[in-house]
């Protein structure tokens, strides 16, 4: 809820404030804001579905003539979540689709050139999510190694105590 609230403010302001000559905010604009922000509330449970919903919202905004920098923030948060809650294969597949989709939408709206910046922005969120997921996996592996090492030390300590008891018992028996 905190992430959705933090994203809602700039997205709502960006949807509301448009440059002169571009389409001004209307009911569809605000409906898309509510849908994309609402989808972020369930992003951990259904990351792929939320990414599709937010991607569809930003595509609709762009095709309707709303051009703003913050309108893609819900999609970036959704793509970040896909990367952090998935695996590298899924991140790669989603990255390819997101780059192709973003380039196609940008190119379709302005066919004068290839939109490099618009094609790359989905990768930023995916790469950041991949780094965070990799770091979590590494920390989990370190914790597992530490737990295994501690268990081995305890096992070795019990074995030595048992050997010492047996040695003492043998000596007492011999005496």
C-alpha atoms as a PDB file:
ATOM      1  CA  UNK A   1       0.000   0.000   0.000  1.00  0.00           C
ATOM      2  CA  UNK A   2       2.905   2.321   0.777  1.00  0.00           C
ATOM      3  CA  UNK A   3       4.468   1.757  -2.649  1.00  0.00           C
ATOM      4  CA  UNK A   4       1.124   2.255  -4.401  1.00  0.00           C
ATOM      5  CA  UNK A   5       0.563   5.473  -2.456  1.00  0.00           C
ATOM      6  CA  UNK A   6       4.043   6.759  -3.260  1.00  0.00           C
ATOM      7  CA  UNK A   7       3.521   6.010  -6.954  1.00  0.00           C
ATOM      8  CA  UNK A   8      -0.006   7.467  -7.013  1.00  0.00           C
ATOM      9  CA  UNK A   9       1.075  11.032  -6.292  1.00  0.00           C
ATOM     10  CA  UNK A  10       3.465  11.638  -9.218  1.00  0.00           C
ATOM     11  CA  UNK A  11       1.364   9.583 -11.628  1.00  0.00           C
ATOM     12  CA  UNK A  12      -1.817  11.484 -10.742  1.00  0.00           C
ATOM     13  CA  UNK A  13      -0.052  14.831 -11.048  1.00  0.00           C
ATOM     14  CA  UNK A  14       1.522  13.854 -14.361  1.00  0.00           C
ATOM     15  CA  UNK A  15      -1.827  12.648 -15.708  1.00  0.00           C
ATOM     16  CA  UNK A  16      -3.506  15.858 -14.564  1.00  0.00           C
ATOM     17  CA  UNK A  17      -0.874  18.258 -15.929  1.00  0.00           C
ATOM     18  CA  UNK A  18      -0.349  18.039 -19.663  1.00  0.00           C
ATOM     19  CA  UNK A  19       1.536  20.274 -22.009  1.00  0.00           C
ATOM     20  CA  UNK A  20      -0.566  22.604 -24.136  1.00  0.00           C
ATOM     21  CA  UNK A  21      -1.416  20.972 -27.442  1.00  0.00           C
ATOM     22  CA  UNK A  22      -1.642  17.460 -25.988  1.00  0.00           C
ATOM     23  CA  UNK A  23      -4.753  15.665 -24.852  1.00  0.00           C
ATOM     24  CA  UNK A  24      -5.944  16.931 -21.494  1.00  0.00           C
ATOM     25  CA  UNK A  25      -6.919  14.687 -18.600  1.00  0.00           C
ATOM     26  CA  UNK A  26     -10.400  13.199 -18.747  1.00  0.00           C
ATOM     27  CA  UNK A  27     -12.338  10.334 -17.152  1.00  0.00           C
ATOM     28  CA  UNK A  28     -10.396   7.695 -19.090  1.00  0.00           C
ATOM     29  CA  UNK A  29      -7.131   9.176 -17.876  1.00  0.00           C
ATOM     30  CA  UNK A  30      -8.153   9.011 -14.241  1.00  0.00           C
ATOM     31  CA  UNK A  31      -9.693   5.563 -14.645  1.00  0.00           C
ATOM     32  CA  UNK A  32      -6.342   4.324 -15.960  1.00  0.00           C
ATOM     33  CA  UNK A  33      -4.580   5.954 -12.999  1.00  0.00           C
ATOM     34  CA  UNK A  34      -6.891   4.203 -10.543  1.00  0.00           C
ATOM     35  CA  UNK A  35      -6.568   0.835 -12.320  1.00  0.00           C
ATOM     36  CA  UNK A  36      -2.772   0.941 -12.554  1.00  0.00           C
ATOM     37  CA  UNK A  37      -2.318   2.121  -8.953  1.00  0.00           C
ATOM     38  CA  UNK A  38      -4.902  -0.382  -7.718  1.00  0.00           C
ATOM     39  CA  UNK A  39      -3.096  -3.171  -9.541  1.00  0.00           C
ATOM     40  CA  UNK A  40       0.084  -2.333  -7.642  1.00  0.00           C
ATOM     41  CA  UNK A  41      -1.694  -3.328  -4.423  1.00  0.00           C
ATOM     42  CA  UNK A  42      -1.616  -6.992  -5.535  1.00  0.00           C
ATOM     43  CA  UNK A  43       1.740  -6.915  -7.343  1.00  0.00           C
ATOM     44  CA  UNK A  44       3.391  -9.471  -5.046  1.00  0.00           C
ATOM     45  CA  UNK A  45       0.635 -12.024  -5.488  1.00  0.00           C
ATOM     46  CA  UNK A  46       0.241 -11.683  -9.270  1.00  0.00           C
ATOM     47  CA  UNK A  47       3.323  -9.884 -10.629  1.00  0.00           C
ATOM     48  CA  UNK A  48       2.814 -10.848 -14.288  1.00  0.00           C
ATOM     49  CA  UNK A  49      -0.852  -9.865 -14.340  1.00  0.00           C
ATOM     50  CA  UNK A  50      -0.050  -6.530 -12.693  1.00  0.00           C
ATOM     51  CA  UNK A  51       2.724  -5.898 -15.240  1.00  0.00           C
ATOM     52  CA  UNK A  52       0.257  -6.538 -18.074  1.00  0.00           C
ATOM     53  CA  UNK A  53      -2.381  -4.255 -16.526  1.00  0.00           C
ATOM     54  CA  UNK A  54       0.096  -1.431 -15.907  1.00  0.00           C
ATOM     55  CA  UNK A  55       1.652  -1.898 -19.353  1.00  0.00           C
ATOM     56  CA  UNK A  56      -1.775  -1.711 -20.947  1.00  0.00           C
ATOM     57  CA  UNK A  57      -2.582   1.454 -18.991  1.00  0.00           C
ATOM     58  CA  UNK A  58       0.615   3.232 -20.029  1.00  0.00           C
ATOM     59  CA  UNK A  59       0.102   2.096 -23.632  1.00  0.00           C
ATOM     60  CA  UNK A  60      -3.435   3.472 -23.603  1.00  0.00           C
ATOM     61  CA  UNK A  61      -2.246   6.776 -22.146  1.00  0.00           C
ATOM     62  CA  UNK A  62       0.408   7.081 -24.802  1.00  0.00           C
ATOM     63  CA  UNK A  63      -1.910   6.179 -27.672  1.00  0.00           C
ATOM     64  CA  UNK A  64      -4.542   8.632 -26.399  1.00  0.00           C
ATOM     65  CA  UNK A  65      -1.979  11.422 -26.504  1.00  0.00           C
ATOM     66  CA  UNK A  66      -0.935  11.732 -22.866  1.00  0.00           C
ATOM     67  CA  UNK A  67       2.834  12.044 -22.760  1.00  0.00           C
ATOM     68  CA  UNK A  68       4.384  12.248 -19.326  1.00  0.00           C
ATOM     69  CA  UNK A  69       7.488  10.994 -17.633  1.00  0.00           C
ATOM     70  CA  UNK A  70       5.774   9.657 -14.521  1.00  0.00           C
ATOM     71  CA  UNK A  71       3.035   7.714 -16.333  1.00  0.00           C
ATOM     72  CA  UNK A  72       5.392   4.759 -16.780  1.00  0.00           C
ATOM     73  CA  UNK A  73       6.233   4.510 -13.058  1.00  0.00           C
ATOM     74  CA  UNK A  74       3.517   1.911 -12.231  1.00  0.00           C
ATOM     75  CA  UNK A  75       4.768  -0.259 -15.083  1.00  0.00           C
ATOM     76  CA  UNK A  76       8.352   0.087 -13.887  1.00  0.00           C
ATOM     77  CA  UNK A  77       7.319  -0.935 -10.358  1.00  0.00           C
ATOM     78  CA  UNK A  78       5.426  -3.912 -11.790  1.00  0.00           C
ATOM     79  CA  UNK A  79       8.408  -4.976 -13.924  1.00  0.00           C
ATOM     80  CA  UNK A  80      10.708  -4.639 -10.908  1.00  0.00           C
ATOM     81  CA  UNK A  81       8.365  -6.935  -8.978  1.00  0.00           C
ATOM     82  CA  UNK A  82       8.331  -9.465 -11.828  1.00  0.00           C
ATOM     83  CA  UNK A  83      12.125  -9.598 -11.672  1.00  0.00           C
ATOM     84  CA  UNK A  84      12.391  -9.806  -7.879  1.00  0.00           C
ATOM     85  CA  UNK A  85       9.725 -12.504  -7.524  1.00  0.00           C
ATOM     86  CA  UNK A  86      10.675 -14.632 -10.515  1.00  0.00           C
ATOM     87  CA  UNK A  87      13.746 -16.177 -12.034  1.00  0.00           C
ATOM     88  CA  UNK A  88      16.244 -15.080 -14.651  1.00  0.00           C
ATOM     89  CA  UNK A  89      14.426 -16.858 -17.493  1.00  0.00           C
ATOM     90  CA  UNK A  90      11.175 -15.110 -16.815  1.00  0.00           C
ATOM     91  CA  UNK A  91      12.937 -11.765 -16.429  1.00  0.00           C
ATOM     92  CA  UNK A  92      14.632 -12.266 -19.787  1.00  0.00           C
ATOM     93  CA  UNK A  93      11.376 -13.195 -21.541  1.00  0.00           C
ATOM     94  CA  UNK A  94       9.532 -10.276 -19.980  1.00  0.00           C
ATOM     95  CA  UNK A  95      12.399  -7.947 -20.904  1.00  0.00           C
ATOM     96  CA  UNK A  96      12.298  -8.950 -24.552  1.00  0.00           C
ATOM     97  CA  UNK A  97       8.523  -8.510 -24.726  1.00  0.00           C
ATOM     98  CA  UNK A  98       8.610  -5.201 -22.813  1.00  0.00           C
ATOM     99  CA  UNK A  99      11.342  -3.720 -25.019  1.00  0.00           C
ATOM    100  CA  UNK A 100       9.602  -4.822 -28.212  1.00  0.00           C
ATOM    101  CA  UNK A 101       6.232  -3.572 -26.967  1.00  0.00           C
ATOM    102  CA  UNK A 102       7.601  -0.234 -25.821  1.00  0.00           C
ATOM    103  CA  UNK A 103       9.457   0.291 -29.107  1.00  0.00           C
ATOM    104  CA  UNK A 104       6.388  -0.669 -31.158  1.00  0.00           C
ATOM    105  CA  UNK A 105       4.096   1.690 -29.259  1.00  0.00           C
ATOM    106  CA  UNK A 106       6.584   4.562 -29.478  1.00  0.00           C
ATOM    107  CA  UNK A 107       7.325   3.924 -33.114  1.00  0.00           C
ATOM    108  CA  UNK A 108       3.620   3.589 -33.926  1.00  0.00           C
ATOM    109  CA  UNK A 109       2.909   6.978 -32.382  1.00  0.00           C
ATOM    110  CA  UNK A 110       5.925   8.644 -34.052  1.00  0.00           C
ATOM    111  CA  UNK A 111       7.302   6.656 -37.026  1.00  0.00           C
ATOM    112  CA  UNK A 112       9.976   9.276 -37.834  1.00  0.00           C
ATOM    113  CA  UNK A 113      12.740   7.371 -36.015  1.00  0.00           C
ATOM    114  CA  UNK A 114      13.540   4.430 -33.754  1.00  0.00           C
ATOM    115  CA  UNK A 115      12.775   5.296 -30.114  1.00  0.00           C
ATOM    116  CA  UNK A 116      15.880   4.087 -28.283  1.00  0.00           C
ATOM    117  CA  UNK A 117      15.093   5.700 -24.934  1.00  0.00           C
ATOM    118  CA  UNK A 118      11.524   4.392 -24.930  1.00  0.00           C
ATOM    119  CA  UNK A 119      12.804   0.920 -25.769  1.00  0.00           C
ATOM    120  CA  UNK A 120      15.318   0.799 -22.939  1.00  0.00           C
ATOM    121  CA  UNK A 121      13.337   2.095 -19.962  1.00  0.00           C
ATOM    122  CA  UNK A 122      11.686  -1.273 -19.166  1.00  0.00           C
ATOM    123  CA  UNK A 123      15.142  -2.819 -18.888  1.00  0.00           C
ATOM    124  CA  UNK A 124      16.120  -0.449 -16.087  1.00  0.00           C
ATOM    125  CA  UNK A 125      13.386  -1.741 -13.789  1.00  0.00           C
ATOM    126  CA  UNK A 126      14.022  -5.366 -14.762  1.00  0.00           C
ATOM    127  CA  UNK A 127      17.774  -5.102 -14.233  1.00  0.00           C
ATOM    128  CA  UNK A 128      17.335  -3.428 -10.865  1.00  0.00           C
ATOM    129  CA  UNK A 129      14.909  -6.164  -9.833  1.00  0.00           C
ATOM    130  CA  UNK A 130      17.312  -8.824 -11.075  1.00  0.00           C
ATOM    131  CA  UNK A 131      20.137  -7.328  -9.010  1.00  0.00           C
ATOM    132  CA  UNK A 132      17.969  -7.208  -5.892  1.00  0.00           C
ATOM    133  CA  UNK A 133      16.765 -10.789  -6.404  1.00  0.00           C
ATOM    134  CA  UNK A 134      20.328 -11.996  -6.984  1.00  0.00           C
ATOM    135  CA  UNK A 135      21.490 -10.244  -3.823  1.00  0.00           C
ATOM    136  CA  UNK A 136      18.681 -11.849  -1.805  1.00  0.00           C
ATOM    137  CA  UNK A 137      19.564 -15.275  -3.171  1.00  0.00           C
ATOM    138  CA  UNK A 138      23.213 -14.718  -2.298  1.00  0.00           C
ATOM    139  CA  UNK A 139      22.360 -13.650   1.252  1.00  0.00           C
ATOM    140  CA  UNK A 140      20.067 -16.672   1.621  1.00  0.00           C
ATOM    141  CA  UNK A 141      22.897 -18.929   0.447  1.00  0.00           C
ATOM    142  CA  UNK A 142      25.273 -17.353   2.972  1.00  0.00           C
ATOM    143  CA  UNK A 143      22.723 -17.890   5.738  1.00  0.00           C
ATOM    144  CA  UNK A 144      22.245 -21.530   4.697  1.00  0.00           C
ATOM    145  CA  UNK A 145      26.018 -22.101   4.654  1.00  0.00           C
ATOM    146  CA  UNK A 146      26.339 -20.549   8.090  1.00  0.00           C
ATOM    147  CA  UNK A 147      23.533 -22.761   9.426  1.00  0.00           C
ATOM    148  CA  UNK A 148      25.127 -25.876   7.904  1.00  0.00           C
ATOM    149  CA  UNK A 149      28.530 -24.967   9.361  1.00  0.00           C
ATOM    150  CA  UNK A 150      26.980 -24.416  12.792  1.00  0.00           C
ATOM    151  CA  UNK A 151      25.165 -27.752  12.584  1.00  0.00           C
ATOM    152  CA  UNK A 152      28.432 -29.474  11.609  1.00  0.00           C
ATOM    153  CA  UNK A 153      30.246 -27.859  14.548  1.00  0.00           C
ATOM    154  CA  UNK A 154      27.541 -29.007  16.939  1.00  0.00           C
ATOM    155  CA  UNK A 155      27.593 -32.509  15.456  1.00  0.00           C
ATOM    156  CA  UNK A 156      31.389 -32.646  15.750  1.00  0.00           C
ATOM    157  CA  UNK A 157      31.195 -31.386  19.335  1.00  0.00           C
ATOM    158  CA  UNK A 158      28.662 -34.093  20.264  1.00  0.00           C
ATOM    159  CA  UNK A 159      30.817 -36.734  18.588  1.00  0.00           C
ATOM    160  CA  UNK A 160      33.893 -35.666  20.581  1.00  0.00           C
ATOM    161  CA  UNK A 161      31.940 -35.627  23.843  1.00  0.00           C
ATOM    162  CA  UNK A 162      30.634 -39.132  23.078  1.00  0.00           C
ATOM    163  CA  UNK A 163      34.162 -40.370  22.272  1.00  0.00           C
ATOM    164  CA  UNK A 164      35.476 -38.916  25.540  1.00  0.00           C
ATOM    165  CA  UNK A 165      32.672 -40.600  27.496  1.00  0.00           C
ATOM    166  CA  UNK A 166      33.492 -43.918  25.846  1.00  0.00           C
ATOM    167  CA  UNK A 167      37.202 -43.481  26.640  1.00  0.00           C
ATOM    168  CA  UNK A 168      36.420 -42.699  30.286  1.00  0.00           C
ATOM    169  CA  UNK A 169      34.033 -45.660  30.475  1.00  0.00           C
ATOM    170  CA  UNK A 170      36.704 -47.992  29.064  1.00  0.00           C
ATOM    171  CA  UNK A 171      39.279 -46.747  31.552  1.00  0.00           C
ATOM    172  CA  UNK A 172      36.853 -47.200  34.446  1.00  0.00           C
ATOM    173  CA  UNK A 173      35.999 -50.665  33.200  1.00  0.00           C
ATOM    174  CA  UNK A 174      39.672 -51.607  32.909  1.00  0.00           C
ATOM    175  CA  UNK A 175      40.387 -50.314  36.415  1.00  0.00           C
END
